[in-house]
Protein backbone atom coordinates (compact mmCIF):
# COMPACT_ATOMS: atom_id res chain seq x y z
CA UNK A 1 -26.23 15.88 -26.18
CA UNK A 2 -27.36 13.25 -23.73
CA UNK A 3 -25.87 10.44 -25.84
CA UNK A 4 -22.58 12.30 -25.96
CA UNK A 5 -22.55 12.78 -22.19
CA UNK A 6 -23.38 9.12 -21.58
CA UNK A 7 -20.63 8.03 -23.95
CA UNK A 8 -18.15 10.28 -22.21
CA UNK A 9 -19.10 8.94 -18.81
CA UNK A 10 -18.91 5.31 -19.86
CA UNK A 11 -15.56 5.99 -21.49
CA UNK A 12 -14.11 6.29 -18.05
CA UNK A 13 -15.20 3.33 -15.99
CA UNK A 14 -12.63 0.59 -16.39
CA UNK A 15 -9.77 -0.22 -14.09
CA UNK A 16 -6.34 0.78 -15.31
CA UNK A 17 -4.01 -1.65 -17.03
CA UNK A 18 -0.54 -0.21 -17.12
CA UNK A 19 0.35 -0.55 -20.79
CA UNK A 20 3.06 1.47 -22.48
CA UNK A 21 1.76 4.15 -24.79
CA UNK A 22 4.64 6.35 -25.92
CA UNK A 23 4.15 7.21 -29.58
CA UNK A 24 6.94 9.13 -31.25
CA UNK A 25 8.87 10.26 -28.19
CA UNK A 26 11.89 8.43 -26.83
CA UNK A 27 11.34 8.26 -23.07
CA UNK A 28 14.95 9.23 -22.53
CA UNK A 29 15.82 6.72 -19.85
CA UNK A 30 15.21 3.41 -21.56
CA UNK A 31 17.71 1.07 -23.22
CA UNK A 32 20.50 1.79 -20.77
CA UNK A 33 20.48 5.56 -21.16
CA UNK A 34 21.06 7.82 -18.20
CA UNK A 35 17.75 8.24 -16.30
CA UNK A 36 16.01 11.58 -16.71
CA UNK A 37 14.63 13.25 -13.60
CA UNK A 38 11.30 15.02 -14.18
CA UNK A 39 9.74 17.31 -11.62
CA UNK A 40 5.98 16.89 -11.81
CA UNK A 41 3.32 18.83 -9.94
CA UNK A 42 -0.34 17.76 -9.92
CA UNK A 43 -3.49 18.06 -7.82
CA UNK A 44 -3.60 14.28 -7.35
CA UNK A 45 -2.93 14.38 -3.63
CA UNK A 46 -4.65 14.29 -0.27
CA UNK A 47 -8.33 13.39 -0.47
CA UNK A 48 -8.42 13.39 -4.27
CA UNK A 49 -9.98 10.15 -5.52
CA UNK A 50 -7.17 9.68 -8.02
CA UNK A 51 -4.21 10.18 -5.69
CA UNK A 52 -3.44 6.45 -5.59
CA UNK A 53 -4.14 6.01 -9.31
CA UNK A 54 -1.58 8.72 -9.97
CA UNK A 55 1.04 7.07 -7.77
CA UNK A 56 0.45 3.72 -9.48
CA UNK A 57 0.70 5.24 -12.96
CA UNK A 58 3.88 7.15 -12.11
CA UNK A 59 5.46 3.98 -10.76
CA UNK A 60 4.52 2.11 -13.94
CA UNK A 61 5.95 4.86 -16.18
CA UNK A 62 9.18 4.91 -14.20
CA UNK A 63 9.50 1.14 -14.64
CA UNK A 64 8.76 1.40 -18.38
CA UNK A 65 10.99 4.37 -19.14
CA UNK A 66 13.78 4.02 -16.63
CA UNK A 67 13.26 7.65 -15.67
CA UNK A 68 12.47 9.19 -12.30
CA UNK A 69 9.61 11.46 -11.23
CA UNK A 70 10.14 13.97 -8.44
CA UNK A 71 6.55 14.42 -7.29
CA UNK A 72 5.59 17.79 -5.78
CA UNK A 73 1.82 17.30 -5.95
CA UNK A 74 -0.55 18.88 -3.43
CA UNK A 75 -4.28 19.17 -2.80
CA UNK A 76 -5.99 21.82 -4.88
CA UNK A 77 -6.87 24.98 -2.99
CA UNK A 78 -6.12 28.69 -3.23
CA UNK A 79 -2.76 28.19 -1.51
CA UNK A 80 -1.76 25.60 -4.09
CA UNK A 81 -2.80 27.88 -6.95
CA UNK A 82 -0.75 30.71 -5.49
CA UNK A 83 2.23 28.40 -5.10
CA UNK A 84 2.08 27.38 -8.77
CA UNK A 85 1.84 31.00 -9.90
CA UNK A 86 4.78 31.97 -7.69
CA UNK A 87 6.88 29.05 -8.96
CA UNK A 88 6.48 30.30 -12.54
CA UNK A 89 7.27 33.87 -11.55
CA UNK A 90 10.48 32.82 -9.80
CA UNK A 91 11.67 30.28 -12.38
CA UNK A 92 10.92 27.35 -10.08
CA UNK A 93 8.17 25.79 -12.19
CA UNK A 94 8.06 22.00 -12.66
CA UNK A 95 8.82 20.19 -15.91
CA UNK A 96 5.27 18.89 -16.19
CA UNK A 97 2.24 20.42 -14.51
CA UNK A 98 -1.28 19.07 -14.09
CA UNK A 99 -3.32 22.19 -13.50
CA UNK A 100 -6.47 24.13 -14.36
CA UNK A 101 -7.01 25.40 -17.89
CA UNK A 102 -9.12 28.45 -16.98
CA UNK A 103 -8.11 31.86 -15.67
CA UNK A 104 -5.68 30.31 -13.15
CA UNK A 105 -3.37 29.47 -16.06
CA UNK A 106 -3.48 32.88 -17.75
CA UNK A 107 -0.32 34.30 -16.19
CA UNK A 108 2.08 31.55 -17.23
CA UNK A 109 0.47 31.17 -20.67
CA UNK A 110 0.81 34.91 -21.28
CA UNK A 111 4.45 34.66 -20.20
CA UNK A 112 5.07 31.90 -22.78
CA UNK A 113 6.19 29.45 -20.12
CA UNK A 114 4.17 26.44 -21.37
CA UNK A 115 3.82 24.95 -24.85
CA UNK A 116 0.63 24.56 -26.84
CA UNK A 117 -0.33 21.11 -28.09
CA UNK A 118 0.11 22.30 -31.68
CA UNK A 119 3.64 23.50 -30.98
CA UNK A 120 4.59 20.15 -29.48
CA UNK A 121 3.08 18.37 -32.49
CA UNK A 122 5.43 20.23 -34.81
CA UNK A 123 8.15 17.94 -33.47
CA UNK A 124 5.99 15.05 -32.22
CA UNK A 125 3.11 14.75 -34.75
CA UNK A 126 1.40 11.93 -32.83
CA UNK A 127 1.39 13.75 -29.50
CA UNK A 128 -1.86 12.84 -27.66
CA UNK A 129 -3.42 11.77 -30.98
CA UNK A 130 -5.76 9.48 -29.01
CA UNK A 131 -7.63 12.55 -27.77
CA UNK A 132 -10.62 14.24 -29.38
CA UNK A 133 -9.24 17.75 -29.89
CA UNK A 134 -12.77 19.18 -30.01
CA UNK A 135 -13.24 18.22 -26.34
CA UNK A 136 -9.99 19.84 -25.18
CA UNK A 137 -10.76 23.34 -23.87
CA UNK A 138 -8.84 26.28 -25.29
CA UNK A 139 -6.97 28.88 -23.26
CA UNK A 140 -8.74 32.06 -22.21
CA UNK A 141 -5.63 33.94 -23.33
CA UNK A 142 -5.40 33.01 -27.01
CA UNK A 143 -7.81 30.15 -27.63
CA UNK A 144 -4.96 27.67 -28.17
CA UNK A 145 -5.04 24.29 -26.46
CA UNK A 146 -2.31 23.73 -23.90
CA UNK A 147 -3.56 21.32 -21.23
CA UNK A 148 -4.13 17.66 -22.13
CA UNK A 149 -7.10 16.48 -20.02
CA UNK A 150 -7.31 13.21 -18.14
CA UNK A 151 -10.55 13.28 -16.25
CA UNK A 152 -13.41 15.71 -16.15
CA UNK A 153 -15.60 16.60 -13.24
CA UNK A 154 -19.20 17.14 -12.30
CA UNK A 155 -20.85 18.83 -9.35
CA UNK A 156 -24.05 17.37 -7.95
CA UNK A 157 -25.83 16.67 -4.66
CA UNK A 158 -24.89 13.76 -2.43
CA UNK A 159 -27.56 12.51 -0.05
CA UNK A 160 -27.64 10.49 3.15
CA UNK A 161 -30.63 8.23 2.50
CA UNK A 162 -30.80 7.09 6.12
CA UNK A 163 -31.64 10.64 7.21
CA UNK A 164 -34.14 11.08 4.39
CA UNK A 165 -35.95 7.90 5.41
CA UNK A 166 -36.02 8.99 9.06
CA UNK A 167 -37.55 12.32 8.02
CA UNK A 168 -40.06 10.81 5.58
CA UNK A 169 -38.39 12.40 2.55
CA UNK A 170 -38.22 10.70 -0.84
CA UNK A 171 -34.99 10.62 -2.83
CA UNK A 172 -34.89 13.73 -5.06
CA UNK A 173 -35.25 13.03 -8.78
CA UNK A 174 -34.67 14.67 -12.14
CA UNK A 175 -37.56 17.13 -11.66
CA UNK A 176 -36.40 18.38 -8.26
CA UNK A 177 -36.99 22.10 -7.64
CA UNK A 178 -35.87 24.57 -4.99
CA UNK A 179 -39.40 24.75 -3.59
CA UNK A 180 -39.44 20.96 -3.18
CA UNK A 181 -35.97 21.15 -1.64
CA UNK A 182 -37.05 23.69 0.98
CA UNK A 183 -40.06 21.57 1.89
CA UNK A 184 -37.75 18.58 2.37
CA UNK A 185 -35.28 20.63 4.41
CA UNK A 186 -38.11 21.63 6.75
CA UNK A 187 -39.03 17.98 7.32
CA UNK A 188 -35.40 17.04 7.93
CA UNK A 189 -34.94 19.89 10.38
CA UNK A 190 -38.12 18.88 12.21
CA UNK A 191 -36.76 15.33 12.49
CA UNK A 192 -33.74 16.65 14.39
CA UNK A 193 -31.12 16.62 11.62
CA UNK A 194 -29.20 19.33 9.80
CA UNK A 195 -30.53 19.58 6.24
CA UNK A 196 -27.42 20.95 4.48
CA UNK A 197 -23.77 20.13 5.14
CA UNK A 198 -21.85 23.28 4.18
CA UNK A 199 -19.27 25.57 5.75
CA UNK A 200 -20.36 28.97 4.43
CA UNK A 201 -17.50 30.71 6.21
CA UNK A 202 -14.91 28.39 4.67
CA UNK A 203 -16.05 26.83 1.37
CA UNK A 204 -19.24 28.46 0.04
CA UNK A 205 -18.13 27.64 -3.53
CA UNK A 206 -20.74 25.06 -4.57
CA UNK A 207 -23.72 26.91 -3.17
CA UNK A 208 -22.41 30.14 -4.70
CA UNK A 209 -22.23 28.43 -8.10
CA UNK A 210 -25.61 26.71 -8.17
CA UNK A 211 -27.49 29.55 -6.46
CA UNK A 212 -26.41 31.83 -9.29
CA UNK A 213 -26.98 29.15 -11.94
CA UNK A 214 -30.57 28.82 -10.71
CA UNK A 215 -31.28 32.34 -11.95
CA UNK A 216 -29.61 31.77 -15.32
CA UNK A 217 -29.40 28.96 -17.89
CA UNK A 218 -26.63 26.83 -19.42
CA UNK A 219 -26.47 29.40 -22.24
CA UNK A 220 -25.80 32.37 -19.94
CA UNK A 221 -24.09 30.97 -16.86
CA UNK A 222 -20.55 31.67 -18.04
CA UNK A 223 -21.25 35.30 -18.92
CA UNK A 224 -19.70 37.45 -16.21
CA UNK A 225 -22.06 40.41 -15.55
CA UNK A 226 -21.02 43.78 -16.93
CA UNK A 227 -22.50 45.36 -13.81
CA UNK A 228 -24.65 44.50 -10.84
CA UNK A 229 -27.60 46.18 -12.55
CA UNK A 230 -27.74 44.09 -15.74
CA UNK A 231 -29.72 40.85 -16.04
CA UNK A 232 -26.83 38.58 -15.10
CA UNK A 233 -25.78 40.91 -12.30
CA UNK A 234 -29.26 40.69 -10.81
CA UNK A 235 -29.10 36.88 -11.17
CA UNK A 236 -25.96 36.89 -9.03
CA UNK A 237 -27.63 39.05 -6.39
CA UNK A 238 -30.70 36.80 -6.36
CA UNK A 239 -28.46 33.78 -5.90
CA UNK A 240 -26.71 35.29 -2.89
CA UNK A 241 -30.07 36.16 -1.38
CA UNK A 242 -31.27 32.58 -1.90
CA UNK A 243 -28.37 31.34 0.22
CA UNK A 244 -29.23 33.98 2.81
CA UNK A 245 -32.81 32.69 2.91
CA UNK A 246 -31.66 29.09 3.48
CA UNK A 247 -29.40 30.34 6.28
CA UNK A 248 -32.22 32.27 7.92
CA UNK A 249 -34.46 29.20 7.72
CA UNK A 250 -31.86 27.28 9.75
CA UNK A 251 -30.99 24.70 7.11
CA UNK A 252 -27.21 24.96 7.47
CA UNK A 253 -25.20 23.71 10.49
CA UNK A 254 -25.37 25.95 13.55
CA UNK A 255 -21.63 26.60 13.18
CA UNK A 256 -21.67 26.99 9.39
CA UNK A 257 -19.95 30.39 9.61
CA UNK A 258 -17.03 29.10 11.69
CA UNK A 259 -16.80 25.42 10.75
CA UNK A 260 -14.30 24.03 8.25
CA UNK A 261 -15.34 22.12 5.16
CA UNK A 262 -13.84 18.96 6.67
CA UNK A 263 -16.03 19.34 9.75
CA UNK A 264 -19.27 19.73 7.80
CA UNK A 265 -18.30 16.88 5.47
CA UNK A 266 -17.90 14.72 8.59
CA UNK A 267 -21.43 15.71 9.65
CA UNK A 268 -22.66 14.29 6.36
CA UNK A 269 -20.72 11.02 6.50
CA UNK A 270 -21.53 10.51 10.19
CA UNK A 271 -25.29 10.74 9.64
CA UNK A 272 -25.91 14.22 11.05
CA UNK A 273 -26.59 16.15 7.81
CA UNK A 274 -28.68 15.09 4.82
CA UNK A 275 -27.49 17.00 1.73
CA UNK A 276 -24.01 17.81 0.43
CA UNK A 277 -23.34 19.68 -2.82
CA UNK A 278 -19.83 18.88 -3.99
CA UNK A 279 -17.85 17.49 -6.90
CA UNK A 280 -17.16 14.07 -8.40
CA UNK A 281 -13.86 13.96 -6.49
CA UNK A 282 -15.84 13.66 -3.25
CA UNK A 283 -16.94 10.13 -4.13
CA UNK A 284 -13.56 8.90 -2.92
CA UNK A 285 -13.89 10.71 0.39
CA UNK A 286 -17.33 9.24 1.04
CA UNK A 287 -16.15 5.76 0.15
CA UNK A 288 -13.11 6.22 2.38
CA UNK A 289 -15.35 7.18 5.30
CA UNK A 290 -17.02 3.78 4.91
CA UNK A 291 -13.75 1.86 5.20
CA UNK A 292 -12.17 0.87 8.50
CA UNK A 293 -8.88 1.70 6.76
CA UNK A 294 -9.34 4.61 4.34
CA UNK A 295 -6.30 3.40 2.37
CA UNK A 296 -7.51 -0.19 2.00
CA UNK A 297 -10.53 -0.77 -0.28
CA UNK A 298 -10.93 -4.29 1.06
CA UNK A 299 -12.08 -2.85 4.41
CA UNK A 300 -15.16 -1.23 2.84
CA UNK A 301 -18.41 -1.56 4.80
CA UNK A 302 -20.81 -2.05 1.88
CA UNK A 303 -23.90 -1.62 4.07
CA UNK A 304 -22.69 1.75 5.31
CA UNK A 305 -21.86 2.90 1.77
CA UNK A 306 -25.32 1.86 0.59
CA UNK A 307 -26.75 4.66 2.76
CA UNK A 308 -25.23 7.26 0.43
CA UNK A 309 -26.47 8.30 -2.99
CA UNK A 310 -25.95 11.13 -5.46
CA UNK A 311 -28.59 13.07 -7.33
CA UNK A 312 -29.27 16.42 -8.99
CA UNK A 313 -29.00 19.85 -7.43
CA UNK A 314 -32.51 21.32 -7.15
CA UNK A 315 -33.34 23.49 -10.15
CA UNK A 316 -35.17 26.74 -10.65
CA UNK A 317 -36.45 28.68 -13.66
CA UNK A 318 -34.56 27.97 -16.89
CA UNK A 319 -32.07 25.68 -15.17
CA UNK A 320 -33.35 22.11 -14.88
CA UNK A 321 -32.04 20.02 -12.01
CA UNK A 322 -30.35 17.82 -14.61
CA UNK A 323 -28.31 20.78 -15.91
CA UNK A 324 -25.06 20.26 -14.04
CA UNK A 325 -21.82 22.12 -13.56
CA UNK A 326 -18.95 20.13 -15.01
CA UNK A 327 -16.43 19.66 -17.78
CA UNK A 328 -12.75 19.04 -18.50
CA UNK A 329 -11.19 21.79 -16.46
CA UNK A 330 -7.64 20.54 -15.93
CA UNK A 331 -4.85 18.89 -17.86
CA UNK A 332 -1.13 18.25 -18.31
CA UNK A 333 1.11 21.13 -19.41
CA UNK A 334 4.70 20.75 -20.60
CA UNK A 335 6.72 23.75 -19.52
CA UNK A 336 9.14 25.69 -21.68
CA UNK A 337 11.74 24.96 -19.04
CA UNK A 338 11.52 21.20 -19.73
CA UNK A 339 11.16 21.64 -23.50
CA UNK A 340 14.36 23.69 -23.73
CA UNK A 341 16.30 21.04 -21.80
CA UNK A 342 17.60 18.52 -24.39
CA UNK A 343 17.68 15.78 -21.75
CA UNK A 344 14.10 16.35 -20.60
CA UNK A 345 12.11 17.18 -23.75
CA UNK A 346 11.46 13.62 -24.96
CA UNK A 347 10.89 12.33 -21.43
CA UNK A 348 8.31 15.02 -20.70
CA UNK A 349 6.43 14.24 -23.92
CA UNK A 350 6.55 10.52 -23.20
CA UNK A 351 5.33 11.05 -19.64
CA UNK A 352 2.29 13.07 -20.70
CA UNK A 353 1.45 10.60 -23.45
CA UNK A 354 1.61 7.75 -20.95
CA UNK A 355 -0.53 9.52 -18.37
CA UNK A 356 -3.14 10.41 -21.02
CA UNK A 357 -3.17 7.04 -22.81
CA UNK A 358 -6.22 4.88 -23.50
CA UNK A 359 -5.05 2.43 -20.84
CA UNK A 360 -4.47 4.97 -18.06
CA UNK A 361 -7.19 7.61 -18.49
CA UNK A 362 -10.14 5.30 -17.67
CA UNK A 363 -8.84 4.66 -14.17
CA UNK A 364 -8.87 8.40 -13.50
CA UNK A 365 -12.13 9.25 -15.27
CA UNK A 366 -14.23 6.47 -13.73
CA UNK A 367 -17.67 8.05 -13.25
CA UNK A 368 -16.67 11.39 -14.78
CA UNK A 369 -15.73 12.41 -18.35
CA UNK A 370 -12.74 12.09 -20.65
CA UNK A 371 -11.64 13.31 -24.09
CA UNK A 372 -10.61 9.91 -25.45
CA UNK A 373 -11.60 9.23 -29.06
CA UNK A 374 -12.33 5.55 -28.45
CA UNK A 375 -14.19 4.38 -25.38
CA UNK A 376 -12.71 1.14 -24.02
CA UNK A 377 -14.83 -1.83 -23.01
CA UNK A 378 -15.93 -1.48 -19.40
CA UNK A 379 -16.98 -3.72 -16.56
CA UNK A 380 -19.33 -1.87 -14.16
CA UNK A 381 -19.09 -4.79 -11.70
CA UNK A 382 -15.62 -3.55 -10.75
CA UNK A 383 -17.01 -0.39 -9.20
CA UNK A 384 -18.44 0.23 -5.77
CA UNK A 385 -22.07 1.08 -5.12
CA UNK A 386 -21.63 4.86 -5.00
CA UNK A 387 -19.59 4.93 -8.23
CA UNK A 388 -22.34 2.98 -9.98
CA UNK A 389 -24.95 5.41 -8.66
CA UNK A 390 -22.85 8.30 -9.95
CA UNK A 391 -22.67 6.73 -13.41
CA UNK A 392 -26.44 6.27 -13.43
CA UNK A 393 -26.95 9.87 -12.28
CA UNK A 394 -24.69 11.24 -14.99
CA UNK A 395 -26.53 9.23 -17.64
CA UNK A 396 -29.54 11.45 -16.94
CA UNK A 397 -27.67 14.77 -17.16
CA UNK A 398 -29.02 17.13 -19.82
CA UNK A 399 -26.03 19.48 -19.96
CA UNK A 400 -22.61 20.19 -18.49
CA UNK A 401 -21.66 23.84 -18.01
CA UNK A 402 -18.32 25.07 -16.70
CA UNK A 403 -18.00 26.82 -13.35
CA UNK A 404 -18.41 30.60 -13.46
CA UNK A 405 -16.11 30.91 -10.47
CA UNK A 406 -13.26 29.54 -12.58
CA UNK A 407 -13.53 32.71 -14.66
CA UNK A 408 -14.06 34.95 -11.65
CA UNK A 409 -10.77 34.50 -9.89
CA UNK A 410 -8.70 35.80 -7.00
CA UNK A 411 -9.65 39.13 -5.43
CA UNK A 412 -12.86 39.26 -7.48
CA UNK A 413 -14.40 36.60 -5.26
CA UNK A 414 -13.39 37.98 -1.88
CA UNK A 415 -16.56 40.01 -1.34
CA UNK A 416 -18.87 37.05 -1.97
CA UNK A 417 -16.66 34.09 -0.99
CA UNK A 418 -14.88 35.38 2.11
CA UNK A 419 -17.78 37.76 2.64
CA UNK A 420 -20.50 35.11 2.61
CA UNK A 421 -20.95 35.24 6.43
CA UNK A 422 -21.65 38.98 6.23
CA UNK A 423 -24.10 38.48 3.36
CA UNK A 424 -26.17 35.75 5.03
CA UNK A 425 -26.27 37.57 8.37
CA UNK A 426 -27.41 40.78 6.69
CA UNK A 427 -24.35 42.82 7.65
CA UNK A 428 -23.59 43.42 3.97
CA UNK A 429 -26.21 43.77 1.26
CA UNK A 430 -25.88 41.11 -1.44
CA UNK A 431 -26.05 43.72 -4.20
CA UNK A 432 -23.17 45.66 -2.65
CA UNK A 433 -21.05 42.52 -2.30
CA UNK A 434 -21.65 41.51 -5.92
CA UNK A 435 -20.98 45.05 -7.14
CA UNK A 436 -17.68 45.13 -5.26
CA UNK A 437 -16.54 41.84 -6.80
CA UNK A 438 -17.52 42.90 -10.31
CA UNK A 439 -15.69 46.20 -9.91
CA UNK A 440 -12.49 44.33 -9.06
CA UNK A 441 -13.01 41.98 -12.02
CA UNK A 442 -13.51 44.73 -14.56
CA UNK A 443 -10.70 46.92 -13.26
CA UNK A 444 -7.98 44.26 -13.32
């Protein structure tokens, strides 16, 4: 398993060369033909590390194909997910969509509004043939594969080493436990710093995930409890109570219940908070905070970036610290709307094949994972210090397990996501909050 993970990580660490990759599809706008206009929606926007990579790749495809992309991308959040769902319901969906392949996609897959990879291959046999199909996740609706992945993700713990040094705390390693973590948090707090950067009233997602995971194992984490009283249900309750304990010990920011995620992230990058649990996409935000111009990599302050590192989330019980949350959770969909348009079908296929080609994927995957069959040669010297540290961290991962919250969607999460402030302050019992969420899940 470890060799496979290392191979997947290293498959994604070379800088993109914009080489044409269309296989059997005619791009539709080349050779003097009338340009095709594709509407494309992705999550490559805002603070996403790959926002610029996406813009560069789109520009290269437009130059190669002669077609035009109308980009309607936006940062991924609940509002964005709702917008995508509404667009499909109202017939306003894009031609190509880069989106999640979990429960968020169920509604438009059930409605038959996107095509499976196999269906596309009936007309284009070589469609995304450079991908390892075994690594492409199937739909929760019918098990078929719809979304062609580009880059995977991982969730781990970023650290501000300057604060750790000031507090006399060693960098956490592969054997890091929650007990060790609490001891370190106490030292950090005593040194006058905030131990954990997190906005529990805004984005409790990562702590929710790992707190639960710490009472389960990679084999059981994705099993949604049948009730609050079964073994997994009790694991969820114990996880919520662990967060409550950390809150009561004063390890979160004083304003954690009212602060935004952006505000607590700034505490971390500005040297006020020591630990930050987040995803691989946050590497770009940290690097950007170390540049005088966030849009210009040449303005990077290497000394400032050297103060940041990434390591494993403290483990507990059957979950080792090196058991991480991660996977290939998103990909490109071709919509039925584009497929049924004779002018757009070939262009949509060509676009997805270009964006998921061996030459483009590595720029997006970098220190994460990909589903490419053949790993390209890489040059680690082309990456910044934090990216290299991330690659080294991932080389020590013992497993990647998907996020339970991706299966536990929408109203199910309100009682424990939106309700986290009430849980940690004791206004609502953790067991009651979990029971409420599970009741919504099972009655949908």
